[in-house]
Amino acid sequence: MKAATIDGRSARSAKTRNAIADALLDLLAEGALRPTAREIADRAAVSVRSVYVHFEDLEDLFCVAAGRHLARIAPMLAPVAATGSVAERAQGLVSQRSRLYEETRAVGRATRLHAAFSPTLARILRDVHTLARNDLERVFATELAPLGAAHRVDTVAVLEIVTGPEAWETLREGHAFTTDRARQCVTDSIVRQLQAVCG
């Protein structure tokens, strides 16, 4: 078999896999928390059989979809400035995270729902939490540096909760806050927390 033929088949296979993964992401973004294979296939314009041919199992599909999702949101993940006043840094961090949460709210909700049954998604969420925690420690390093180890851990944990997607969803949907009001609420909470621990 000619190399060109093999390369062509590989390219078509990759294209189909990506189309299926993108279809899953689009359905999740539209609020379908548990899209069926038929729904995914219809959105990707492939047969249901293709879904099972191109993915060994749900874990395999989640893994590819997660990679595609990260590629989509990568432009939104530029490092937040670690200079300026506490309020300025808090505002910058909250502005970035709120844009991310608004853009990925439905996908994030579905990911958290399925993570209990998916080792791949559970690992991805752990990695995301670690990155978010590291970013908090970087942005507010000046305020955290003087704290003792236990106090520092407690403070970062509180900041994680305040700036996390679950808190954002509670403010936006549970309390029906506007985006601006939710941003201000989270920013103020960060500033108050850091002012309290810094004396």
N, C-alpha and C. Protein backbone atom coordinates (compact mmCIF):
# COMPACT_ATOMS: atom_id res chain seq x y z
N MET A 1 0.85 -1.20 0.00
CA MET A 1 0.00 0.00 0.00
C MET A 1 0.88 1.25 0.00
N LYS A 2 0.56 2.20 -0.81
CA LYS A 2 1.37 3.39 -0.93
C LYS A 2 1.26 4.27 0.32
N ALA A 3 2.38 4.94 0.63
CA ALA A 3 2.42 5.81 1.80
C ALA A 3 1.38 6.91 1.69
N ALA A 4 1.18 7.44 0.48
CA ALA A 4 0.20 8.53 0.29
C ALA A 4 -1.20 8.07 0.65
N THR A 5 -1.51 6.80 0.33
CA THR A 5 -2.82 6.26 0.67
C THR A 5 -2.99 6.17 2.17
N ILE A 6 -1.95 5.68 2.84
CA ILE A 6 -2.00 5.55 4.30
C ILE A 6 -2.12 6.92 4.95
N ASP A 7 -1.33 7.88 4.45
CA ASP A 7 -1.39 9.24 4.99
C ASP A 7 -2.77 9.85 4.79
N GLY A 8 -3.38 9.59 3.64
CA GLY A 8 -4.71 10.12 3.37
C GLY A 8 -5.74 9.54 4.32
N ARG A 9 -5.64 8.24 4.58
CA ARG A 9 -6.57 7.60 5.51
C ARG A 9 -6.38 8.14 6.93
N SER A 10 -5.13 8.32 7.32
CA SER A 10 -4.85 8.85 8.66
C SER A 10 -5.41 10.26 8.82
N ALA A 11 -5.26 11.06 7.78
CA ALA A 11 -5.78 12.44 7.84
C ALA A 11 -7.29 12.44 7.94
N ARG A 12 -7.94 11.56 7.16
CA ARG A 12 -9.41 11.48 7.21
C ARG A 12 -9.87 10.99 8.58
N SER A 13 -9.15 10.02 9.14
CA SER A 13 -9.50 9.49 10.45
C SER A 13 -9.38 10.57 11.52
N ALA A 14 -8.28 11.33 11.47
CA ALA A 14 -8.07 12.41 12.44
C ALA A 14 -9.14 13.48 12.30
N LYS A 15 -9.51 13.78 11.05
CA LYS A 15 -10.54 14.78 10.80
C LYS A 15 -11.88 14.34 11.39
N THR A 16 -12.20 13.05 11.21
CA THR A 16 -13.46 12.53 11.74
C THR A 16 -13.44 12.53 13.26
N ARG A 17 -12.32 12.11 13.85
CA ARG A 17 -12.20 12.12 15.32
C ARG A 17 -12.39 13.53 15.87
N ASN A 18 -11.76 14.50 15.22
CA ASN A 18 -11.89 15.88 15.68
C ASN A 18 -13.33 16.38 15.52
N ALA A 19 -13.97 15.99 14.42
CA ALA A 19 -15.36 16.42 14.19
C ALA A 19 -16.28 15.85 15.27
N ILE A 20 -16.05 14.62 15.65
CA ILE A 20 -16.87 13.98 16.69
C ILE A 20 -16.62 14.65 18.04
N ALA A 21 -15.34 14.91 18.34
CA ALA A 21 -15.02 15.57 19.61
C ALA A 21 -15.61 16.98 19.65
N ASP A 22 -15.52 17.71 18.54
CA ASP A 22 -16.08 19.05 18.48
C ASP A 22 -17.60 19.01 18.62
N ALA A 23 -18.21 17.99 18.05
CA ALA A 23 -19.67 17.84 18.16
C ALA A 23 -20.07 17.65 19.62
N LEU A 24 -19.31 16.84 20.33
CA LEU A 24 -19.57 16.64 21.76
C LEU A 24 -19.45 17.96 22.51
N LEU A 25 -18.39 18.70 22.26
CA LEU A 25 -18.19 19.98 22.94
C LEU A 25 -19.32 20.96 22.62
N ASP A 26 -19.74 21.01 21.38
CA ASP A 26 -20.81 21.93 20.99
C ASP A 26 -22.13 21.58 21.69
N LEU A 27 -22.41 20.29 21.78
CA LEU A 27 -23.63 19.86 22.45
C LEU A 27 -23.58 20.19 23.95
N LEU A 28 -22.42 19.97 24.56
CA LEU A 28 -22.26 20.31 25.98
C LEU A 28 -22.43 21.81 26.18
N ALA A 29 -21.85 22.60 25.28
CA ALA A 29 -21.95 24.06 25.38
C ALA A 29 -23.39 24.54 25.26
N GLU A 30 -24.21 23.77 24.56
CA GLU A 30 -25.62 24.14 24.38
C GLU A 30 -26.49 23.64 25.53
N GLY A 31 -25.85 22.97 26.50
CA GLY A 31 -26.59 22.54 27.69
C GLY A 31 -26.99 21.08 27.73
N ALA A 32 -26.58 20.30 26.74
CA ALA A 32 -26.89 18.86 26.74
C ALA A 32 -25.86 18.15 27.61
N LEU A 33 -26.18 17.91 28.87
CA LEU A 33 -25.20 17.36 29.81
C LEU A 33 -24.83 15.92 29.50
N ARG A 34 -25.74 15.16 28.89
CA ARG A 34 -25.47 13.76 28.57
C ARG A 34 -25.89 13.46 27.13
N PRO A 35 -25.18 14.03 26.16
CA PRO A 35 -25.55 13.78 24.76
C PRO A 35 -25.36 12.32 24.40
N THR A 36 -26.27 11.79 23.60
CA THR A 36 -26.19 10.40 23.18
C THR A 36 -25.26 10.26 21.98
N ALA A 37 -24.88 9.01 21.70
CA ALA A 37 -24.04 8.75 20.53
C ALA A 37 -24.75 9.21 19.26
N ARG A 38 -26.06 9.03 19.20
CA ARG A 38 -26.83 9.47 18.04
C ARG A 38 -26.76 10.98 17.88
N GLU A 39 -26.92 11.71 18.97
CA GLU A 39 -26.87 13.18 18.91
C GLU A 39 -25.48 13.66 18.48
N ILE A 40 -24.46 13.02 19.02
CA ILE A 40 -23.10 13.38 18.66
C ILE A 40 -22.84 13.10 17.18
N ALA A 41 -23.27 11.92 16.74
CA ALA A 41 -23.08 11.54 15.34
C ALA A 41 -23.81 12.49 14.40
N ASP A 42 -25.06 12.82 14.75
CA ASP A 42 -25.83 13.74 13.90
C ASP A 42 -25.15 15.10 13.80
N ARG A 43 -24.64 15.61 14.93
CA ARG A 43 -23.99 16.91 14.92
C ARG A 43 -22.70 16.88 14.11
N ALA A 44 -21.98 15.76 14.18
CA ALA A 44 -20.72 15.62 13.45
C ALA A 44 -20.92 15.21 12.00
N ALA A 45 -22.17 14.91 11.64
CA ALA A 45 -22.49 14.47 10.28
C ALA A 45 -21.77 13.16 9.93
N VAL A 46 -21.78 12.24 10.90
CA VAL A 46 -21.20 10.91 10.67
C VAL A 46 -22.22 9.88 11.16
N SER A 47 -21.94 8.62 10.90
CA SER A 47 -22.82 7.57 11.38
C SER A 47 -22.53 7.27 12.85
N VAL A 48 -23.50 6.70 13.52
CA VAL A 48 -23.28 6.29 14.91
C VAL A 48 -22.14 5.29 14.98
N ARG A 49 -22.06 4.44 13.98
CA ARG A 49 -20.99 3.44 13.94
C ARG A 49 -19.62 4.12 13.94
N SER A 50 -19.51 5.26 13.26
CA SER A 50 -18.23 5.97 13.21
C SER A 50 -17.77 6.42 14.59
N VAL A 51 -18.72 6.79 15.43
CA VAL A 51 -18.37 7.21 16.79
C VAL A 51 -17.65 6.08 17.51
N TYR A 52 -18.19 4.87 17.36
CA TYR A 52 -17.60 3.72 18.05
C TYR A 52 -16.35 3.20 17.35
N VAL A 53 -16.26 3.43 16.05
CA VAL A 53 -15.07 3.00 15.31
C VAL A 53 -13.86 3.87 15.66
N HIS A 54 -14.10 5.16 15.80
CA HIS A 54 -12.99 6.10 16.01
C HIS A 54 -12.61 6.30 17.47
N PHE A 55 -13.44 5.82 18.38
CA PHE A 55 -13.12 5.96 19.80
C PHE A 55 -13.32 4.62 20.50
N GLU A 56 -12.32 4.22 21.27
CA GLU A 56 -12.40 2.93 21.95
C GLU A 56 -13.52 2.91 22.96
N ASP A 57 -13.67 4.03 23.68
CA ASP A 57 -14.71 4.13 24.70
C ASP A 57 -14.93 5.60 25.02
N LEU A 58 -15.78 5.85 26.02
CA LEU A 58 -16.09 7.22 26.39
C LEU A 58 -14.86 7.96 26.89
N GLU A 59 -13.97 7.26 27.59
CA GLU A 59 -12.74 7.86 28.08
C GLU A 59 -11.91 8.42 26.93
N ASP A 60 -11.81 7.65 25.88
CA ASP A 60 -11.04 8.07 24.71
C ASP A 60 -11.64 9.32 24.10
N LEU A 61 -12.96 9.35 24.00
CA LEU A 61 -13.64 10.53 23.44
C LEU A 61 -13.43 11.75 24.34
N PHE A 62 -13.57 11.56 25.65
CA PHE A 62 -13.38 12.67 26.59
C PHE A 62 -11.96 13.23 26.48
N CYS A 63 -10.99 12.34 26.33
CA CYS A 63 -9.60 12.76 26.27
C CYS A 63 -9.36 13.65 25.04
N VAL A 64 -9.86 13.23 23.89
CA VAL A 64 -9.70 14.02 22.67
C VAL A 64 -10.49 15.33 22.77
N ALA A 65 -11.71 15.25 23.29
CA ALA A 65 -12.54 16.46 23.43
C ALA A 65 -11.88 17.46 24.38
N ALA A 66 -11.28 16.96 25.45
CA ALA A 66 -10.61 17.85 26.40
C ALA A 66 -9.46 18.59 25.72
N GLY A 67 -8.71 17.88 24.91
CA GLY A 67 -7.61 18.51 24.17
C GLY A 67 -8.13 19.57 23.22
N ARG A 68 -9.22 19.28 22.53
CA ARG A 68 -9.81 20.26 21.61
C ARG A 68 -10.33 21.48 22.37
N HIS A 69 -10.92 21.23 23.53
CA HIS A 69 -11.45 22.32 24.35
C HIS A 69 -10.32 23.23 24.84
N LEU A 70 -9.24 22.64 25.30
CA LEU A 70 -8.11 23.44 25.77
C LEU A 70 -7.53 24.30 24.64
N ALA A 71 -7.52 23.74 23.43
CA ALA A 71 -7.04 24.51 22.28
C ALA A 71 -7.95 25.70 22.01
N ARG A 72 -9.25 25.51 22.21
CA ARG A 72 -10.20 26.60 21.97
C ARG A 72 -10.00 27.75 22.95
N ILE A 73 -9.73 27.42 24.22
CA ILE A 73 -9.68 28.46 25.25
C ILE A 73 -8.26 28.96 25.51
N ALA A 74 -7.27 28.38 24.86
CA ALA A 74 -5.87 28.76 25.10
C ALA A 74 -5.63 30.26 25.01
N PRO A 75 -6.24 30.97 24.02
CA PRO A 75 -5.99 32.42 23.94
C PRO A 75 -6.47 33.19 25.17
N MET A 76 -7.32 32.58 26.00
CA MET A 76 -7.86 33.26 27.17
C MET A 76 -7.01 33.03 28.42
N LEU A 77 -5.92 32.29 28.28
CA LEU A 77 -5.15 31.87 29.45
C LEU A 77 -3.82 32.58 29.61
N ALA A 78 -3.67 33.75 29.03
CA ALA A 78 -2.43 34.51 29.19
C ALA A 78 -2.24 34.86 30.66
N PRO A 79 -1.00 34.83 31.17
CA PRO A 79 -0.75 35.11 32.59
C PRO A 79 -1.28 36.48 33.02
N VAL A 80 -1.90 36.52 34.19
CA VAL A 80 -2.38 37.78 34.75
C VAL A 80 -1.19 38.49 35.39
N ALA A 81 -1.17 39.81 35.29
CA ALA A 81 -0.07 40.60 35.84
C ALA A 81 0.04 40.39 37.35
N ALA A 82 1.27 40.26 37.84
CA ALA A 82 1.52 40.07 39.27
C ALA A 82 2.06 41.36 39.89
N THR A 83 1.81 42.48 39.24
CA THR A 83 2.24 43.78 39.74
C THR A 83 1.03 44.68 39.92
N GLY A 84 1.22 45.74 40.72
CA GLY A 84 0.11 46.65 40.99
C GLY A 84 -0.45 46.42 42.37
N SER A 85 -1.47 47.18 42.73
CA SER A 85 -2.09 47.04 44.04
C SER A 85 -2.84 45.71 44.13
N VAL A 86 -3.21 45.34 45.34
CA VAL A 86 -4.00 44.12 45.52
C VAL A 86 -5.29 44.20 44.72
N ALA A 87 -5.94 45.36 44.77
CA ALA A 87 -7.20 45.53 44.06
C ALA A 87 -7.01 45.39 42.55
N GLU A 88 -5.93 45.96 42.03
CA GLU A 88 -5.67 45.87 40.59
C GLU A 88 -5.39 44.44 40.15
N ARG A 89 -4.60 43.74 40.95
CA ARG A 89 -4.30 42.35 40.63
C ARG A 89 -5.54 41.47 40.75
N ALA A 90 -6.33 41.72 41.79
CA ALA A 90 -7.56 40.96 41.97
C ALA A 90 -8.51 41.20 40.80
N GLN A 91 -8.62 42.45 40.39
CA GLN A 91 -9.49 42.79 39.27
C GLN A 91 -9.03 42.10 37.99
N GLY A 92 -7.73 42.07 37.75
CA GLY A 92 -7.20 41.42 36.57
C GLY A 92 -7.47 39.93 36.57
N LEU A 93 -7.26 39.29 37.72
CA LEU A 93 -7.48 37.85 37.81
C LEU A 93 -8.96 37.50 37.64
N VAL A 94 -9.82 38.27 38.30
CA VAL A 94 -11.26 38.00 38.22
C VAL A 94 -11.78 38.28 36.81
N SER A 95 -11.27 39.30 36.18
CA SER A 95 -11.68 39.61 34.81
C SER A 95 -11.37 38.43 33.89
N GLN A 96 -10.15 37.89 34.01
CA GLN A 96 -9.77 36.76 33.16
C GLN A 96 -10.64 35.53 33.45
N ARG A 97 -10.77 35.20 34.73
CA ARG A 97 -11.51 33.98 35.08
C ARG A 97 -12.99 34.10 34.75
N SER A 98 -13.55 35.28 34.92
CA SER A 98 -14.97 35.43 34.62
C SER A 98 -15.23 35.26 33.12
N ARG A 99 -14.33 35.79 32.30
CA ARG A 99 -14.48 35.60 30.84
C ARG A 99 -14.40 34.11 30.50
N LEU A 100 -13.47 33.43 31.13
CA LEU A 100 -13.31 32.00 30.91
C LEU A 100 -14.54 31.24 31.36
N TYR A 101 -15.05 31.54 32.54
CA TYR A 101 -16.22 30.84 33.07
C TYR A 101 -17.46 31.11 32.22
N GLU A 102 -17.62 32.34 31.77
CA GLU A 102 -18.77 32.66 30.93
C GLU A 102 -18.71 31.90 29.61
N GLU A 103 -17.51 31.81 29.05
CA GLU A 103 -17.33 31.14 27.77
C GLU A 103 -17.51 29.63 27.88
N THR A 104 -17.16 29.07 29.02
CA THR A 104 -17.12 27.60 29.16
C THR A 104 -18.09 27.09 30.22
N ARG A 105 -19.07 27.89 30.59
CA ARG A 105 -19.93 27.53 31.73
C ARG A 105 -20.58 26.17 31.56
N ALA A 106 -21.22 25.93 30.43
CA ALA A 106 -21.94 24.67 30.23
C ALA A 106 -20.98 23.48 30.13
N VAL A 107 -19.87 23.67 29.42
CA VAL A 107 -18.88 22.59 29.30
C VAL A 107 -18.28 22.29 30.67
N GLY A 108 -18.01 23.32 31.45
CA GLY A 108 -17.47 23.11 32.79
C GLY A 108 -18.43 22.36 33.68
N ARG A 109 -19.71 22.71 33.60
CA ARG A 109 -20.71 22.02 34.41
C ARG A 109 -20.78 20.55 34.03
N ALA A 110 -20.78 20.26 32.75
CA ALA A 110 -20.83 18.88 32.29
C ALA A 110 -19.57 18.11 32.69
N THR A 111 -18.43 18.78 32.61
CA THR A 111 -17.16 18.14 32.99
C THR A 111 -17.19 17.74 34.46
N ARG A 112 -17.64 18.65 35.32
CA ARG A 112 -17.71 18.33 36.76
C ARG A 112 -18.69 17.20 37.02
N LEU A 113 -19.78 17.17 36.27
CA LEU A 113 -20.78 16.11 36.43
C LEU A 113 -20.20 14.75 36.06
N HIS A 114 -19.50 14.69 34.93
CA HIS A 114 -18.99 13.42 34.43
C HIS A 114 -17.69 12.98 35.09
N ALA A 115 -17.02 13.90 35.77
CA ALA A 115 -15.72 13.57 36.37
C ALA A 115 -15.82 12.45 37.40
N ALA A 116 -16.98 12.33 38.04
CA ALA A 116 -17.16 11.27 39.04
C ALA A 116 -17.09 9.88 38.41
N PHE A 117 -17.33 9.80 37.11
CA PHE A 117 -17.36 8.50 36.43
C PHE A 117 -16.24 8.37 35.40
N SER A 118 -15.39 9.40 35.28
CA SER A 118 -14.36 9.40 34.25
C SER A 118 -13.00 9.73 34.85
N PRO A 119 -12.09 8.76 34.90
CA PRO A 119 -10.73 9.05 35.39
C PRO A 119 -10.04 10.15 34.59
N THR A 120 -10.29 10.20 33.28
CA THR A 120 -9.68 11.22 32.44
C THR A 120 -10.13 12.61 32.86
N LEU A 121 -11.44 12.80 33.01
CA LEU A 121 -11.96 14.11 33.39
C LEU A 121 -11.57 14.46 34.82
N ALA A 122 -11.54 13.48 35.70
CA ALA A 122 -11.13 13.73 37.09
C ALA A 122 -9.69 14.23 37.12
N ARG A 123 -8.83 13.61 36.31
CA ARG A 123 -7.43 14.04 36.25
C ARG A 123 -7.32 15.45 35.68
N ILE A 124 -8.09 15.73 34.64
CA ILE A 124 -8.06 17.05 34.03
C ILE A 124 -8.50 18.12 35.04
N LEU A 125 -9.55 17.84 35.80
CA LEU A 125 -10.01 18.80 36.81
C LEU A 125 -8.95 19.02 37.88
N ARG A 126 -8.27 17.94 38.29
CA ARG A 126 -7.20 18.10 39.29
C ARG A 126 -6.09 18.98 38.73
N ASP A 127 -5.74 18.76 37.47
CA ASP A 127 -4.69 19.56 36.85
C ASP A 127 -5.10 21.03 36.75
N VAL A 128 -6.36 21.26 36.39
CA VAL A 128 -6.87 22.63 36.28
C VAL A 128 -6.85 23.32 37.65
N HIS A 129 -7.27 22.59 38.68
CA HIS A 129 -7.25 23.17 40.03
C HIS A 129 -5.83 23.51 40.46
N THR A 130 -4.89 22.64 40.14
CA THR A 130 -3.49 22.90 40.49
C THR A 130 -2.97 24.15 39.79
N LEU A 131 -3.28 24.29 38.50
CA LEU A 131 -2.85 25.47 37.74
C LEU A 131 -3.48 26.74 38.31
N ALA A 132 -4.76 26.65 38.67
CA ALA A 132 -5.45 27.82 39.21
C ALA A 132 -4.86 28.21 40.56
N ARG A 133 -4.54 27.22 41.38
CA ARG A 133 -3.93 27.49 42.69
C ARG A 133 -2.54 28.12 42.52
N ASN A 134 -1.77 27.57 41.60
CA ASN A 134 -0.43 28.12 41.36
C ASN A 134 -0.51 29.57 40.88
N ASP A 135 -1.52 29.86 40.09
CA ASP A 135 -1.67 31.23 39.57
C ASP A 135 -2.03 32.19 40.70
N LEU A 136 -2.90 31.75 41.61
CA LEU A 136 -3.23 32.58 42.77
C LEU A 136 -1.98 32.87 43.60
N GLU A 137 -1.17 31.85 43.81
CA GLU A 137 0.04 32.03 44.61
C GLU A 137 1.04 32.96 43.91
N ARG A 138 1.06 32.92 42.59
CA ARG A 138 1.96 33.80 41.84
C ARG A 138 1.47 35.24 41.88
N VAL A 139 0.18 35.45 41.61
CA VAL A 139 -0.37 36.81 41.53
C VAL A 139 -0.33 37.51 42.89
N PHE A 140 -0.55 36.75 43.97
CA PHE A 140 -0.60 37.36 45.30
C PHE A 140 0.57 36.92 46.17
N ALA A 141 1.71 36.68 45.53
CA ALA A 141 2.90 36.21 46.24
C ALA A 141 3.33 37.17 47.33
N THR A 142 3.23 38.47 47.09
CA THR A 142 3.67 39.48 48.06
C THR A 142 2.89 39.37 49.36
N GLU A 143 1.59 39.17 49.26
CA GLU A 143 0.75 39.09 50.45
C GLU A 143 0.87 37.73 51.15
N LEU A 144 1.12 36.68 50.38
CA LEU A 144 1.18 35.33 50.94
C LEU A 144 2.54 35.01 51.56
N ALA A 145 3.60 35.64 51.07
CA ALA A 145 4.95 35.30 51.50
C ALA A 145 5.18 35.39 53.01
N PRO A 146 4.67 36.42 53.70
CA PRO A 146 4.95 36.53 55.14
C PRO A 146 4.18 35.53 56.01
N LEU A 147 3.20 34.86 55.45
CA LEU A 147 2.34 33.98 56.26
C LEU A 147 3.04 32.68 56.61
N GLY A 148 2.68 32.14 57.76
CA GLY A 148 3.17 30.82 58.12
C GLY A 148 2.58 29.78 57.19
N ALA A 149 3.18 28.60 57.17
CA ALA A 149 2.77 27.57 56.21
C ALA A 149 1.28 27.24 56.31
N ALA A 150 0.79 26.99 57.52
CA ALA A 150 -0.62 26.61 57.69
C ALA A 150 -1.55 27.76 57.29
N HIS A 151 -1.18 28.98 57.71
CA HIS A 151 -2.01 30.15 57.40
C HIS A 151 -2.04 30.39 55.89
N ARG A 152 -0.91 30.17 55.25
CA ARG A 152 -0.82 30.36 53.80
C ARG A 152 -1.72 29.36 53.08
N VAL A 153 -1.67 28.09 53.51
CA VAL A 153 -2.51 27.06 52.89
C VAL A 153 -3.99 27.42 53.05
N ASP A 154 -4.38 27.85 54.26
CA ASP A 154 -5.77 28.21 54.51
C ASP A 154 -6.21 29.38 53.63
N THR A 155 -5.34 30.37 53.51
CA THR A 155 -5.68 31.57 52.73
C THR A 155 -5.84 31.23 51.25
N VAL A 156 -4.92 30.45 50.72
CA VAL A 156 -5.01 30.06 49.31
C VAL A 156 -6.26 29.23 49.07
N ALA A 157 -6.60 28.36 50.03
CA ALA A 157 -7.80 27.53 49.89
C ALA A 157 -9.05 28.41 49.79
N VAL A 158 -9.12 29.43 50.63
CA VAL A 158 -10.28 30.34 50.59
C VAL A 158 -10.32 31.09 49.26
N LEU A 159 -9.17 31.55 48.80
CA LEU A 159 -9.11 32.25 47.52
C LEU A 159 -9.52 31.33 46.37
N GLU A 160 -9.13 30.06 46.45
CA GLU A 160 -9.54 29.09 45.43
C GLU A 160 -11.05 28.98 45.35
N ILE A 161 -11.68 28.90 46.53
CA ILE A 161 -13.14 28.75 46.57
C ILE A 161 -13.82 29.99 45.99
N VAL A 162 -13.35 31.16 46.43
CA VAL A 162 -13.96 32.42 46.01
C VAL A 162 -13.84 32.65 44.51
N THR A 163 -12.70 32.24 43.94
CA THR A 163 -12.45 32.51 42.52
C THR A 163 -12.75 31.31 41.62
N GLY A 164 -13.29 30.24 42.18
CA GLY A 164 -13.55 29.03 41.41
C GLY A 164 -14.83 29.08 40.60
N PRO A 165 -15.00 28.13 39.68
CA PRO A 165 -16.18 28.12 38.80
C PRO A 165 -17.48 27.86 39.55
N GLU A 166 -17.42 27.10 40.65
CA GLU A 166 -18.64 26.82 41.40
C GLU A 166 -19.18 28.10 42.04
N ALA A 167 -18.29 28.92 42.60
CA ALA A 167 -18.72 30.19 43.19
C ALA A 167 -19.29 31.12 42.12
N TRP A 168 -18.62 31.13 40.96
CA TRP A 168 -19.10 31.98 39.87
C TRP A 168 -20.50 31.55 39.43
N GLU A 169 -20.71 30.25 39.31
CA GLU A 169 -22.02 29.75 38.89
C GLU A 169 -23.09 30.08 39.93
N THR A 170 -22.73 30.01 41.21
CA THR A 170 -23.68 30.35 42.28
C THR A 170 -24.09 31.81 42.19
N LEU A 171 -23.14 32.69 41.97
CA LEU A 171 -23.44 34.12 41.87
C LEU A 171 -24.28 34.42 40.63
N ARG A 172 -23.89 33.82 39.50
CA ARG A 172 -24.56 34.15 38.24
C ARG A 172 -25.94 33.51 38.12
N GLU A 173 -26.06 32.27 38.59
CA GLU A 173 -27.33 31.57 38.40
C GLU A 173 -28.13 31.47 39.69
N GLY A 174 -27.47 31.14 40.79
CA GLY A 174 -28.18 31.03 42.06
C GLY A 174 -28.70 32.35 42.56
N HIS A 175 -27.91 33.42 42.38
CA HIS A 175 -28.30 34.75 42.85
C HIS A 175 -28.65 35.71 41.71
N ALA A 176 -28.54 35.24 40.48
CA ALA A 176 -28.89 36.04 39.31
C ALA A 176 -28.12 37.35 39.24
N PHE A 177 -26.86 37.32 39.67
CA PHE A 177 -26.02 38.52 39.56
C PHE A 177 -25.67 38.76 38.10
N THR A 178 -25.56 40.02 37.74
CA THR A 178 -25.02 40.34 36.42
C THR A 178 -23.53 40.00 36.43
N THR A 179 -22.93 39.96 35.24
CA THR A 179 -21.49 39.68 35.16
C THR A 179 -20.69 40.72 35.93
N ASP A 180 -21.03 41.99 35.75
CA ASP A 180 -20.29 43.06 36.43
C ASP A 180 -20.43 42.96 37.94
N ARG A 181 -21.64 42.69 38.40
CA ARG A 181 -21.85 42.60 39.85
C ARG A 181 -21.10 41.40 40.43
N ALA A 182 -21.12 40.27 39.72
CA ALA A 182 -20.41 39.09 40.19
C ALA A 182 -18.91 39.35 40.23
N ARG A 183 -18.38 40.02 39.20
CA ARG A 183 -16.96 40.34 39.18
C ARG A 183 -16.57 41.21 40.37
N GLN A 184 -17.40 42.23 40.62
CA GLN A 184 -17.09 43.13 41.74
C GLN A 184 -17.16 42.39 43.07
N CYS A 185 -18.13 41.51 43.21
CA CYS A 185 -18.29 40.74 44.44
C CYS A 185 -17.06 39.87 44.71
N VAL A 186 -16.59 39.18 43.69
CA VAL A 186 -15.43 38.30 43.84
C VAL A 186 -14.17 39.13 44.08
N THR A 187 -14.02 40.21 43.34
CA THR A 187 -12.85 41.08 43.53
C THR A 187 -12.80 41.62 44.95
N ASP A 188 -13.92 42.11 45.45
CA ASP A 188 -13.98 42.64 46.81
C ASP A 188 -13.66 41.56 47.84
N SER A 189 -14.12 40.35 47.59
CA SER A 189 -13.87 39.24 48.52
C SER A 189 -12.38 38.92 48.59
N ILE A 190 -11.70 38.94 47.45
CA ILE A 190 -10.26 38.69 47.42
C ILE A 190 -9.53 39.78 48.22
N VAL A 191 -9.86 41.02 47.96
CA VAL A 191 -9.19 42.14 48.63
C VAL A 191 -9.41 42.07 50.13
N ARG A 192 -10.65 41.82 50.58
CA ARG A 192 -10.94 41.74 52.01
C ARG A 192 -10.18 40.59 52.65
N GLN A 193 -10.14 39.44 51.97
CA GLN A 193 -9.45 38.28 52.52
C GLN A 193 -7.96 38.59 52.71
N LEU A 194 -7.33 39.17 51.71
CA LEU A 194 -5.91 39.45 51.79
C LEU A 194 -5.60 40.58 52.78
N GLN A 195 -6.48 41.56 52.85
CA GLN A 195 -6.28 42.63 53.82
C GLN A 195 -6.39 42.08 55.26
N ALA A 196 -7.30 41.13 55.43
CA ALA A 196 -7.48 40.54 56.77
C ALA A 196 -6.26 39.75 57.21
N VAL A 197 -5.68 38.96 56.30
CA VAL A 197 -4.54 38.13 56.69
C VAL A 197 -3.26 38.94 56.78
N CYS A 198 -3.22 40.07 56.07
CA CYS A 198 -2.00 40.90 56.10
C CYS A 198 -2.02 41.92 57.24
N GLY A 199 -3.12 41.94 57.94
CA GLY A 199 -3.21 42.86 59.07
C GLY A 199 -3.44 44.28 58.61
